[in-house]
């Protein structure tokens, strides 16, 4: 929206005060963008960040599990590379943007 970070946060807080669902929808992509910005390789950043900002595409965020909750260190979902593909085994619940995400 062309705002500085402080203005962006103030608008987000005010919208969330009125409706937490809309507040979550407004900031949901940040849940996917932040780990990518902090820990992603340059290749992954170049592949996904422009698409999330320019198109804009919506990302889903799936952390919560029935036993671990949102404690990332306690999650049981595992990912294993087999050839050129990844096999993901686990179960998630309350997935942010699940019904609308492009990926």
N, C-alpha and C. Protein backbone atom coordinates (compact mmCIF):
# COMPACT_ATOMS: atom_id res chain seq x y z
N UNK A 1 0.81 -1.19 0.00
CA UNK A 1 0.00 0.00 0.00
C UNK A 1 0.85 1.25 0.00
N UNK A 2 2.17 1.10 -0.08
CA UNK A 2 3.03 2.26 -0.14
C UNK A 2 3.26 2.95 1.18
N UNK A 3 2.99 2.27 2.29
CA UNK A 3 3.16 2.88 3.61
C UNK A 3 4.47 2.44 4.24
N UNK A 4 4.97 3.26 5.17
CA UNK A 4 6.12 2.83 5.95
C UNK A 4 5.65 1.75 6.93
N UNK A 5 6.60 1.06 7.55
CA UNK A 5 6.28 -0.08 8.41
C UNK A 5 5.39 0.30 9.59
N UNK A 6 5.67 1.42 10.24
CA UNK A 6 4.86 1.83 11.40
C UNK A 6 3.41 2.07 10.98
N UNK A 7 3.21 2.77 9.89
CA UNK A 7 1.85 3.02 9.40
C UNK A 7 1.15 1.71 9.05
N UNK A 8 1.88 0.80 8.43
CA UNK A 8 1.33 -0.50 8.07
C UNK A 8 0.86 -1.25 9.32
N UNK A 9 1.67 -1.24 10.36
CA UNK A 9 1.32 -1.92 11.61
C UNK A 9 0.10 -1.28 12.25
N UNK A 10 0.04 0.04 12.26
CA UNK A 10 -1.11 0.75 12.86
C UNK A 10 -2.40 0.39 12.12
N UNK A 11 -2.37 0.40 10.80
CA UNK A 11 -3.56 0.03 10.03
C UNK A 11 -3.95 -1.41 10.31
N UNK A 12 -2.98 -2.31 10.34
CA UNK A 12 -3.26 -3.72 10.62
C UNK A 12 -3.88 -3.91 11.99
N UNK A 13 -3.36 -3.22 12.99
CA UNK A 13 -3.91 -3.32 14.35
C UNK A 13 -5.34 -2.80 14.41
N UNK A 14 -5.60 -1.69 13.76
CA UNK A 14 -6.95 -1.11 13.79
C UNK A 14 -7.96 -2.01 13.08
N UNK A 15 -7.57 -2.57 11.95
CA UNK A 15 -8.47 -3.48 11.24
C UNK A 15 -8.71 -4.73 12.08
N UNK A 16 -7.65 -5.29 12.68
CA UNK A 16 -7.79 -6.49 13.50
C UNK A 16 -8.64 -6.22 14.74
N UNK A 17 -8.61 -5.01 15.26
CA UNK A 17 -9.44 -4.66 16.41
C UNK A 17 -10.92 -4.81 16.06
N UNK A 18 -11.26 -4.43 14.84
CA UNK A 18 -12.65 -4.55 14.39
C UNK A 18 -13.03 -5.96 14.00
N UNK A 19 -12.11 -6.71 13.42
CA UNK A 19 -12.38 -8.09 12.99
C UNK A 19 -11.06 -8.84 12.88
N UNK A 20 -10.83 -9.75 13.81
CA UNK A 20 -9.55 -10.47 13.82
C UNK A 20 -9.36 -11.32 12.57
N UNK A 21 -10.45 -11.80 11.97
CA UNK A 21 -10.33 -12.59 10.75
C UNK A 21 -9.78 -11.79 9.59
N UNK A 22 -10.24 -10.56 9.44
CA UNK A 22 -9.72 -9.71 8.37
C UNK A 22 -8.27 -9.34 8.66
N UNK A 23 -7.95 -9.09 9.92
CA UNK A 23 -6.56 -8.81 10.29
C UNK A 23 -5.64 -9.96 9.94
N UNK A 24 -6.08 -11.18 10.19
CA UNK A 24 -5.29 -12.36 9.85
C UNK A 24 -5.14 -12.49 8.34
N UNK A 25 -6.22 -12.27 7.62
CA UNK A 25 -6.16 -12.36 6.16
C UNK A 25 -5.19 -11.33 5.57
N UNK A 26 -5.16 -10.14 6.16
CA UNK A 26 -4.27 -9.08 5.67
C UNK A 26 -2.80 -9.42 5.87
N UNK A 27 -2.50 -10.11 6.94
CA UNK A 27 -1.09 -10.36 7.29
C UNK A 27 -0.68 -11.81 7.09
N UNK A 28 -1.56 -12.65 6.57
CA UNK A 28 -1.27 -14.07 6.43
C UNK A 28 -0.04 -14.39 5.60
N UNK A 29 0.18 -13.65 4.51
CA UNK A 29 1.35 -13.92 3.68
C UNK A 29 2.66 -13.68 4.44
N UNK A 30 2.62 -12.79 5.42
CA UNK A 30 3.82 -12.55 6.23
C UNK A 30 4.29 -13.80 6.95
N UNK A 31 3.35 -14.69 7.26
CA UNK A 31 3.72 -15.95 7.91
C UNK A 31 4.58 -16.81 6.98
N UNK A 32 4.37 -16.69 5.69
CA UNK A 32 5.18 -17.44 4.73
C UNK A 32 6.39 -16.65 4.27
N UNK A 33 6.24 -15.33 4.17
CA UNK A 33 7.35 -14.50 3.67
C UNK A 33 8.50 -14.40 4.66
N UNK A 34 8.19 -14.23 5.94
CA UNK A 34 9.24 -13.99 6.93
C UNK A 34 10.26 -15.12 7.02
N UNK A 35 9.85 -16.40 7.14
CA UNK A 35 10.86 -17.47 7.17
C UNK A 35 11.68 -17.53 5.89
N UNK A 36 11.04 -17.24 4.77
CA UNK A 36 11.75 -17.23 3.49
C UNK A 36 12.79 -16.12 3.46
N UNK A 37 12.42 -14.94 3.93
CA UNK A 37 13.36 -13.81 3.97
C UNK A 37 14.52 -14.10 4.91
N UNK A 38 14.22 -14.67 6.07
CA UNK A 38 15.26 -14.90 7.08
C UNK A 38 16.13 -16.11 6.78
N UNK A 39 15.57 -17.18 6.22
CA UNK A 39 16.31 -18.44 6.12
C UNK A 39 16.39 -19.03 4.71
N UNK A 40 15.66 -18.48 3.76
CA UNK A 40 15.63 -19.07 2.43
C UNK A 40 16.90 -18.79 1.63
N UNK A 41 17.20 -19.70 0.73
CA UNK A 41 18.34 -19.49 -0.17
C UNK A 41 17.99 -18.36 -1.14
N UNK A 42 19.00 -17.81 -1.78
CA UNK A 42 18.76 -16.75 -2.75
C UNK A 42 17.88 -17.26 -3.89
N UNK A 43 18.07 -18.52 -4.27
CA UNK A 43 17.27 -19.12 -5.33
C UNK A 43 15.78 -19.14 -4.95
N UNK A 44 15.47 -19.57 -3.72
CA UNK A 44 14.08 -19.60 -3.27
C UNK A 44 13.48 -18.20 -3.15
N UNK A 45 14.29 -17.27 -2.65
CA UNK A 45 13.81 -15.89 -2.54
C UNK A 45 13.44 -15.32 -3.90
N UNK A 46 14.30 -15.54 -4.90
CA UNK A 46 14.05 -15.04 -6.25
C UNK A 46 12.83 -15.70 -6.88
N UNK A 47 12.60 -16.96 -6.52
CA UNK A 47 11.49 -17.71 -7.11
C UNK A 47 10.14 -17.29 -6.52
N UNK A 48 10.06 -17.10 -5.19
CA UNK A 48 8.76 -16.92 -4.56
C UNK A 48 8.43 -15.49 -4.12
N UNK A 49 9.39 -14.73 -3.60
CA UNK A 49 9.07 -13.41 -3.07
C UNK A 49 8.46 -12.46 -4.10
N UNK A 50 9.01 -12.35 -5.30
CA UNK A 50 8.39 -11.44 -6.28
C UNK A 50 6.95 -11.84 -6.60
N UNK A 51 6.68 -13.13 -6.67
CA UNK A 51 5.33 -13.60 -6.98
C UNK A 51 4.36 -13.26 -5.86
N UNK A 52 4.82 -13.28 -4.62
CA UNK A 52 3.95 -12.98 -3.48
C UNK A 52 3.65 -11.49 -3.40
N UNK A 53 4.56 -10.68 -3.89
CA UNK A 53 4.41 -9.23 -3.78
C UNK A 53 3.76 -8.63 -5.02
N UNK A 54 4.17 -9.05 -6.20
CA UNK A 54 3.75 -8.40 -7.43
C UNK A 54 2.43 -8.91 -7.99
N UNK A 55 2.15 -10.22 -7.88
CA UNK A 55 0.97 -10.74 -8.57
C UNK A 55 -0.35 -10.42 -7.88
N UNK A 56 -0.62 -10.31 -6.66
CA UNK A 56 -0.01 -11.04 -5.56
C UNK A 56 -0.65 -12.41 -5.40
N UNK A 57 0.16 -13.37 -5.06
CA UNK A 57 -0.32 -14.71 -4.78
C UNK A 57 -0.44 -14.89 -3.28
N UNK A 58 -1.26 -15.82 -2.86
CA UNK A 58 -1.51 -16.06 -1.44
C UNK A 58 -0.87 -17.38 -1.03
N UNK A 59 -0.14 -17.36 0.07
CA UNK A 59 0.49 -18.56 0.59
C UNK A 59 -0.30 -19.11 1.77
N UNK A 60 -0.32 -20.43 1.90
CA UNK A 60 -0.89 -21.07 3.09
C UNK A 60 0.21 -21.23 4.12
N UNK A 61 -0.18 -21.36 5.37
CA UNK A 61 0.78 -21.53 6.45
C UNK A 61 0.25 -22.65 7.34
N UNK A 62 0.99 -23.75 7.39
CA UNK A 62 0.52 -24.93 8.12
C UNK A 62 1.55 -25.35 9.17
N UNK A 63 1.32 -24.96 10.41
CA UNK A 63 2.20 -25.35 11.51
C UNK A 63 1.46 -26.20 12.53
N UNK A 64 0.24 -25.80 12.88
CA UNK A 64 -0.47 -26.38 14.01
C UNK A 64 -0.78 -27.87 13.81
N UNK A 65 -0.41 -28.66 14.81
CA UNK A 65 -0.72 -30.09 14.84
C UNK A 65 -1.54 -30.39 16.09
N UNK A 66 -2.27 -31.49 16.07
CA UNK A 66 -3.20 -31.79 17.16
C UNK A 66 -2.51 -31.94 18.51
N UNK A 67 -1.31 -32.48 18.57
CA UNK A 67 -0.63 -32.67 19.85
C UNK A 67 0.34 -31.53 20.15
N UNK A 68 1.13 -31.12 19.17
CA UNK A 68 2.14 -30.08 19.39
C UNK A 68 1.55 -28.68 19.41
N UNK A 69 0.35 -28.52 18.89
CA UNK A 69 -0.21 -27.17 18.77
C UNK A 69 0.63 -26.38 17.78
N UNK A 70 0.98 -25.16 18.12
CA UNK A 70 1.79 -24.31 17.24
C UNK A 70 3.25 -24.25 17.69
N UNK A 71 3.66 -25.21 18.51
CA UNK A 71 5.05 -25.32 18.97
C UNK A 71 5.87 -25.98 17.86
N UNK A 72 6.55 -25.18 17.07
CA UNK A 72 7.28 -25.69 15.91
C UNK A 72 8.29 -26.76 16.30
N UNK A 73 8.93 -26.62 17.44
CA UNK A 73 9.92 -27.60 17.88
C UNK A 73 9.29 -28.95 18.20
N UNK A 74 7.99 -28.97 18.47
CA UNK A 74 7.32 -30.21 18.84
C UNK A 74 6.56 -30.88 17.72
N UNK A 75 6.60 -30.32 16.51
CA UNK A 75 5.83 -30.91 15.42
C UNK A 75 6.40 -32.27 15.01
N UNK A 76 5.52 -33.12 14.50
CA UNK A 76 5.90 -34.49 14.11
C UNK A 76 5.94 -34.69 12.60
N UNK A 77 5.45 -33.73 11.84
CA UNK A 77 5.46 -33.85 10.38
C UNK A 77 6.90 -33.93 9.89
N UNK A 78 7.15 -34.87 8.99
CA UNK A 78 8.49 -35.09 8.46
C UNK A 78 8.49 -34.97 6.94
N UNK A 79 9.61 -34.54 6.41
CA UNK A 79 9.79 -34.39 4.97
C UNK A 79 11.02 -35.19 4.56
N UNK A 80 10.88 -35.98 3.50
CA UNK A 80 11.99 -36.81 3.04
C UNK A 80 12.13 -36.66 1.52
N UNK A 81 13.35 -36.43 1.06
CA UNK A 81 13.59 -36.30 -0.38
C UNK A 81 13.81 -37.69 -0.97
N UNK A 82 13.03 -37.99 -2.02
CA UNK A 82 13.18 -39.25 -2.76
C UNK A 82 13.32 -38.90 -4.23
N UNK A 83 14.53 -39.00 -4.73
CA UNK A 83 14.78 -38.61 -6.11
C UNK A 83 14.61 -37.12 -6.27
N UNK A 84 13.77 -36.72 -7.20
CA UNK A 84 13.51 -35.30 -7.46
C UNK A 84 12.29 -34.78 -6.71
N UNK A 85 11.68 -35.62 -5.88
CA UNK A 85 10.46 -35.24 -5.19
C UNK A 85 10.64 -35.28 -3.68
N UNK A 86 9.73 -34.63 -2.98
CA UNK A 86 9.70 -34.66 -1.52
C UNK A 86 8.42 -35.37 -1.07
N UNK A 87 8.56 -36.23 -0.08
CA UNK A 87 7.43 -36.92 0.52
C UNK A 87 7.22 -36.30 1.90
N UNK A 88 6.02 -35.77 2.12
CA UNK A 88 5.68 -35.15 3.41
C UNK A 88 4.67 -36.04 4.11
N UNK A 89 4.98 -36.45 5.33
CA UNK A 89 4.09 -37.26 6.14
C UNK A 89 3.78 -36.52 7.43
N UNK A 90 2.51 -36.34 7.71
CA UNK A 90 2.09 -35.68 8.92
C UNK A 90 0.67 -35.18 8.79
N UNK A 91 0.22 -34.51 9.80
CA UNK A 91 -1.14 -34.01 9.83
C UNK A 91 -1.15 -32.60 10.41
N UNK A 92 -1.87 -31.71 9.77
CA UNK A 92 -1.97 -30.32 10.21
C UNK A 92 -3.43 -29.95 10.44
N UNK A 93 -3.65 -28.89 11.19
CA UNK A 93 -5.00 -28.37 11.42
C UNK A 93 -4.93 -26.86 11.49
N UNK A 94 -6.05 -26.19 11.28
CA UNK A 94 -6.13 -24.73 11.32
C UNK A 94 -5.08 -24.09 10.41
N UNK A 95 -5.15 -24.40 9.15
CA UNK A 95 -4.17 -23.92 8.18
C UNK A 95 -4.58 -22.55 7.66
N UNK A 96 -3.76 -21.56 7.93
CA UNK A 96 -4.03 -20.19 7.49
C UNK A 96 -4.08 -20.11 5.97
N UNK A 97 -5.13 -19.53 5.44
CA UNK A 97 -5.34 -19.32 4.00
C UNK A 97 -5.53 -20.61 3.20
N UNK A 98 -5.83 -21.73 3.85
CA UNK A 98 -5.93 -23.01 3.15
C UNK A 98 -6.93 -22.98 2.00
N UNK A 99 -8.04 -22.33 2.18
CA UNK A 99 -9.07 -22.32 1.15
C UNK A 99 -8.82 -21.37 0.00
N UNK A 100 -7.82 -20.52 0.12
CA UNK A 100 -7.59 -19.47 -0.88
C UNK A 100 -6.18 -19.47 -1.46
N UNK A 101 -5.29 -20.23 -0.87
CA UNK A 101 -3.87 -20.14 -1.23
C UNK A 101 -3.58 -20.65 -2.63
N UNK A 102 -2.61 -20.02 -3.27
CA UNK A 102 -2.10 -20.49 -4.56
C UNK A 102 -1.08 -21.61 -4.37
N UNK A 103 -0.44 -21.62 -3.21
CA UNK A 103 0.46 -22.70 -2.83
C UNK A 103 0.62 -22.72 -1.35
